[in-house]
Amino acid sequence: MTQKNVCKIPSVTHTASGAERRVGVEIELSGLSYEALVREVANLLNGAPRPS
């Protein structure tokens, strides 16, 4: 089975003041500590956690 995902750029890409529009994404997780989440995200992004 083949699945094709296509994300189209919205027709309005800038705000009224001329700034580029941005998107926020929220993901709900359970069962991970904050520290484990930071390690996993850093790993996915080929980075390393920094002390806060």
PDB file of N, CA and C in Angstrom:
ATOM      1  N   MET A   1       0.852  -1.177   0.000  1.00  0.00           N
ATOM      2  CA  MET A   1       0.000   0.000   0.000  1.00  0.00           C
ATOM      3  C   MET A   1       0.894   1.234   0.000  1.00  0.00           C
ATOM      4  N   THR A   2       0.546   2.190  -0.797  1.00  0.00           N
ATOM      5  CA  THR A   2       1.291   3.439  -0.891  1.00  0.00           C
ATOM      6  C   THR A   2       0.418   4.579  -0.412  1.00  0.00           C
ATOM      7  N   GLN A   3       1.000   5.423   0.440  1.00  0.00           N
ATOM      8  CA  GLN A   3       0.265   6.576   0.942  1.00  0.00           C
ATOM      9  C   GLN A   3       1.032   7.827   0.530  1.00  0.00           C
ATOM     10  N   LYS A   4       0.314   8.799  -0.018  1.00  0.00           N
ATOM     11  CA  LYS A   4       0.943  10.040  -0.455  1.00  0.00           C
ATOM     12  C   LYS A   4       0.374  11.175   0.386  1.00  0.00           C
ATOM     13  N   ASN A   5       1.265  11.853   1.103  1.00  0.00           N
ATOM     14  CA  ASN A   5       0.858  13.013   1.894  1.00  0.00           C
ATOM     15  C   ASN A   5       1.328  14.266   1.180  1.00  0.00           C
ATOM     16  N   VAL A   6       0.415  15.177   0.979  1.00  0.00           N
ATOM     17  CA  VAL A   6       0.754  16.419   0.313  1.00  0.00           C
ATOM     18  C   VAL A   6       0.331  17.567   1.218  1.00  0.00           C
ATOM     19  N   CYS A   7       1.278  18.409   1.549  1.00  0.00           N
ATOM     20  CA  CYS A   7       0.984  19.612   2.325  1.00  0.00           C
ATOM     21  C   CYS A   7       1.110  20.805   1.400  1.00  0.00           C
ATOM     22  N   LYS A   8       0.044  21.521   1.265  1.00  0.00           N
ATOM     23  CA  LYS A   8       0.052  22.685   0.382  1.00  0.00           C
ATOM     24  C   LYS A   8       0.345  23.941   1.193  1.00  0.00           C
ATOM     25  N   ILE A   9       1.092  24.846   0.601  1.00  0.00           N
ATOM     26  CA  ILE A   9       1.365  26.131   1.225  1.00  0.00           C
ATOM     27  C   ILE A   9       0.088  26.953   1.155  1.00  0.00           C
ATOM     28  N   PRO A  10      -0.288  27.591   2.267  1.00  0.00           N
ATOM     29  CA  PRO A  10      -1.497  28.405   2.240  1.00  0.00           C
ATOM     30  C   PRO A  10      -1.357  29.584   1.282  1.00  0.00           C
ATOM     31  N   SER A  11      -2.474  30.069   0.801  1.00  0.00           N
ATOM     32  CA  SER A  11      -2.442  31.180  -0.154  1.00  0.00           C
ATOM     33  C   SER A  11      -1.980  32.475   0.509  1.00  0.00           C
ATOM     34  N   VAL A  12      -2.197  32.608   1.814  1.00  0.00           N
ATOM     35  CA  VAL A  12      -1.741  33.792   2.542  1.00  0.00           C
ATOM     36  C   VAL A  12      -0.524  33.387   3.360  1.00  0.00           C
ATOM     37  N   THR A  13       0.663  33.877   2.974  1.00  0.00           N
ATOM     38  CA  THR A  13       1.901  33.467   3.642  1.00  0.00           C
ATOM     39  C   THR A  13       2.491  34.563   4.520  1.00  0.00           C
ATOM     40  N   HIS A  14       1.886  35.755   4.517  1.00  0.00           N
ATOM     41  CA  HIS A  14       2.383  36.860   5.332  1.00  0.00           C
ATOM     42  C   HIS A  14       1.231  37.513   6.086  1.00  0.00           C
ATOM     43  N   THR A  15       1.552  38.069   7.251  1.00  0.00           N
ATOM     44  CA  THR A  15       0.543  38.765   8.045  1.00  0.00           C
ATOM     45  C   THR A  15       0.266  40.133   7.448  1.00  0.00           C
ATOM     46  N   ALA A  16      -0.712  40.820   8.006  1.00  0.00           N
ATOM     47  CA  ALA A  16      -1.052  42.163   7.526  1.00  0.00           C
ATOM     48  C   ALA A  16       0.110  43.134   7.668  1.00  0.00           C
ATOM     49  N   SER A  17       0.982  42.886   8.652  1.00  0.00           N
ATOM     50  CA  SER A  17       2.138  43.775   8.847  1.00  0.00           C
ATOM     51  C   SER A  17       3.341  43.363   8.008  1.00  0.00           C
ATOM     52  N   GLY A  18       3.201  42.287   7.208  1.00  0.00           N
ATOM     53  CA  GLY A  18       4.271  41.861   6.314  1.00  0.00           C
ATOM     54  C   GLY A  18       5.172  40.761   6.844  1.00  0.00           C
ATOM     55  N   ALA A  19       4.953  40.358   8.097  1.00  0.00           N
ATOM     56  CA  ALA A  19       5.768  39.284   8.669  1.00  0.00           C
ATOM     57  C   ALA A  19       5.329  37.925   8.107  1.00  0.00           C
ATOM     58  N   GLU A  20       6.268  37.011   7.988  1.00  0.00           N
ATOM     59  CA  GLU A  20       5.938  35.669   7.518  1.00  0.00           C
ATOM     60  C   GLU A  20       5.087  34.957   8.561  1.00  0.00           C
ATOM     61  N   ARG A  21       4.012  34.317   8.119  1.00  0.00           N
ATOM     62  CA  ARG A  21       3.146  33.573   9.034  1.00  0.00           C
ATOM     63  C   ARG A  21       3.881  32.356   9.556  1.00  0.00           C
ATOM     64  N   ARG A  22       3.578  31.974  10.787  1.00  0.00           N
ATOM     65  CA  ARG A  22       4.189  30.804  11.413  1.00  0.00           C
ATOM     66  C   ARG A  22       3.097  29.862  11.900  1.00  0.00           C
ATOM     67  N   VAL A  23       3.518  28.644  12.208  1.00  0.00           N
ATOM     68  CA  VAL A  23       2.603  27.628  12.698  1.00  0.00           C
ATOM     69  C   VAL A  23       3.117  27.107  14.029  1.00  0.00           C
ATOM     70  N   GLY A  24       2.226  26.884  14.959  1.00  0.00           N
ATOM     71  CA  GLY A  24       2.567  26.254  16.222  1.00  0.00           C
ATOM     72  C   GLY A  24       1.984  24.854  16.247  1.00  0.00           C
ATOM     73  N   VAL A  25       2.722  23.924  16.813  1.00  0.00           N
ATOM     74  CA  VAL A  25       2.273  22.537  16.888  1.00  0.00           C
ATOM     75  C   VAL A  25       2.311  22.102  18.339  1.00  0.00           C
ATOM     76  N   GLU A  26       1.237  21.495  18.796  1.00  0.00           N
ATOM     77  CA  GLU A  26       1.169  20.993  20.161  1.00  0.00           C
ATOM     78  C   GLU A  26       0.972  19.488  20.107  1.00  0.00           C
ATOM     79  N   ILE A  27       1.790  18.773  20.860  1.00  0.00           N
ATOM     80  CA  ILE A  27       1.700  17.321  20.908  1.00  0.00           C
ATOM     81  C   ILE A  27       1.505  16.898  22.358  1.00  0.00           C
ATOM     82  N   GLU A  28       0.492  16.088  22.614  1.00  0.00           N
ATOM     83  CA  GLU A  28       0.255  15.601  23.965  1.00  0.00           C
ATOM     84  C   GLU A  28       0.948  14.264  24.143  1.00  0.00           C
ATOM     85  N   LEU A  29       1.690  14.141  25.233  1.00  0.00           N
ATOM     86  CA  LEU A  29       2.423  12.915  25.527  1.00  0.00           C
ATOM     87  C   LEU A  29       2.106  12.465  26.941  1.00  0.00           C
ATOM     88  N   SER A  30       2.228  11.197  27.175  1.00  0.00           N
ATOM     89  CA  SER A  30       2.101  10.693  28.538  1.00  0.00           C
ATOM     90  C   SER A  30       3.098   9.561  28.727  1.00  0.00           C
ATOM     91  N   GLY A  31       3.526   9.366  29.961  1.00  0.00           N
ATOM     92  CA  GLY A  31       4.422   8.267  30.270  1.00  0.00           C
ATOM     93  C   GLY A  31       5.895   8.600  30.134  1.00  0.00           C
ATOM     94  N   LEU A  32       6.239   9.828  29.731  1.00  0.00           N
ATOM     95  CA  LEU A  32       7.642  10.229  29.634  1.00  0.00           C
ATOM     96  C   LEU A  32       7.919  11.324  30.646  1.00  0.00           C
ATOM     97  N   SER A  33       9.063  11.247  31.282  1.00  0.00           N
ATOM     98  CA  SER A  33       9.466  12.360  32.129  1.00  0.00           C
ATOM     99  C   SER A  33       9.925  13.503  31.235  1.00  0.00           C
ATOM    100  N   TYR A  34      10.026  14.689  31.801  1.00  0.00           N
ATOM    101  CA  TYR A  34      10.501  15.832  31.037  1.00  0.00           C
ATOM    102  C   TYR A  34      11.906  15.568  30.511  1.00  0.00           C
ATOM    103  N   GLU A  35      12.762  15.003  31.357  1.00  0.00           N
ATOM    104  CA  GLU A  35      14.141  14.726  30.966  1.00  0.00           C
ATOM    105  C   GLU A  35      14.201  13.736  29.806  1.00  0.00           C
ATOM    106  N   ALA A  36      13.380  12.693  29.854  1.00  0.00           N
ATOM    107  CA  ALA A  36      13.353  11.696  28.769  1.00  0.00           C
ATOM    108  C   ALA A  36      12.852  12.335  27.478  1.00  0.00           C
ATOM    109  N   LEU A  37      11.858  13.202  27.579  1.00  0.00           N
ATOM    110  CA  LEU A  37      11.340  13.892  26.406  1.00  0.00           C
ATOM    111  C   LEU A  37      12.414  14.768  25.769  1.00  0.00           C
ATOM    112  N   VAL A  38      13.146  15.516  26.593  1.00  0.00           N
ATOM    113  CA  VAL A  38      14.211  16.383  26.077  1.00  0.00           C
ATOM    114  C   VAL A  38      15.273  15.547  25.376  1.00  0.00           C
ATOM    115  N   ARG A  39      15.669  14.420  25.967  1.00  0.00           N
ATOM    116  CA  ARG A  39      16.672  13.544  25.336  1.00  0.00           C
ATOM    117  C   ARG A  39      16.180  13.019  23.998  1.00  0.00           C
ATOM    118  N   GLU A  40      14.929  12.574  23.929  1.00  0.00           N
ATOM    119  CA  GLU A  40      14.393  12.011  22.690  1.00  0.00           C
ATOM    120  C   GLU A  40      14.294  13.061  21.588  1.00  0.00           C
ATOM    121  N   VAL A  41      13.807  14.246  21.927  1.00  0.00           N
ATOM    122  CA  VAL A  41      13.698  15.305  20.919  1.00  0.00           C
ATOM    123  C   VAL A  41      15.080  15.709  20.433  1.00  0.00           C
ATOM    124  N   ALA A  42      16.031  15.867  21.342  1.00  0.00           N
ATOM    125  CA  ALA A  42      17.396  16.209  20.944  1.00  0.00           C
ATOM    126  C   ALA A  42      17.962  15.130  20.030  1.00  0.00           C
ATOM    127  N   ASN A  43      17.715  13.879  20.351  1.00  0.00           N
ATOM    128  CA  ASN A  43      18.199  12.770  19.526  1.00  0.00           C
ATOM    129  C   ASN A  43      17.576  12.814  18.127  1.00  0.00           C
ATOM    130  N   LEU A  44      16.290  13.062  18.042  1.00  0.00           N
ATOM    131  CA  LEU A  44      15.611  13.138  16.753  1.00  0.00           C
ATOM    132  C   LEU A  44      16.148  14.274  15.883  1.00  0.00           C
ATOM    133  N   LEU A  45      16.576  15.355  16.533  1.00  0.00           N
ATOM    134  CA  LEU A  45      17.072  16.520  15.809  1.00  0.00           C
ATOM    135  C   LEU A  45      18.593  16.516  15.685  1.00  0.00           C
ATOM    136  N   ASN A  46      19.205  15.374  16.007  1.00  0.00           N
ATOM    137  CA  ASN A  46      20.673  15.230  15.952  1.00  0.00           C
ATOM    138  C   ASN A  46      21.363  16.294  16.796  1.00  0.00           C
ATOM    139  N   GLY A  47      20.819  16.557  17.942  1.00  0.00           N
ATOM    140  CA  GLY A  47      21.398  17.553  18.853  1.00  0.00           C
ATOM    141  C   GLY A  47      21.708  16.931  20.191  1.00  0.00           C
ATOM    142  N   ALA A  48      21.904  17.776  21.157  1.00  0.00           N
ATOM    143  CA  ALA A  48      22.178  17.340  22.524  1.00  0.00           C
ATOM    144  C   ALA A  48      21.445  18.263  23.475  1.00  0.00           C
ATOM    145  N   PRO A  49      20.910  17.711  24.573  1.00  0.00           N
ATOM    146  CA  PRO A  49      20.224  18.561  25.546  1.00  0.00           C
ATOM    147  C   PRO A  49      21.205  19.559  26.174  1.00  0.00           C
ATOM    148  N   ARG A  50      20.702  20.743  26.480  1.00  0.00           N
ATOM    149  CA  ARG A  50      21.496  21.759  27.187  1.00  0.00           C
ATOM    150  C   ARG A  50      20.934  21.925  28.571  1.00  0.00           C
ATOM    151  N   PRO A  51      21.783  22.204  29.528  1.00  0.00           N
ATOM    152  CA  PRO A  51      21.260  22.500  30.885  1.00  0.00           C
ATOM    153  C   PRO A  51      20.411  23.764  30.831  1.00  0.00           C
ATOM    154  N   SER A  52      19.347  23.787  31.595  1.00  0.00           N
ATOM    155  CA  SER A  52      18.478  24.981  31.583  1.00  0.00           C
ATOM    156  C   SER A  52      18.927  26.015  32.573  1.00  0.00           C
TER     157      SER A  52
END
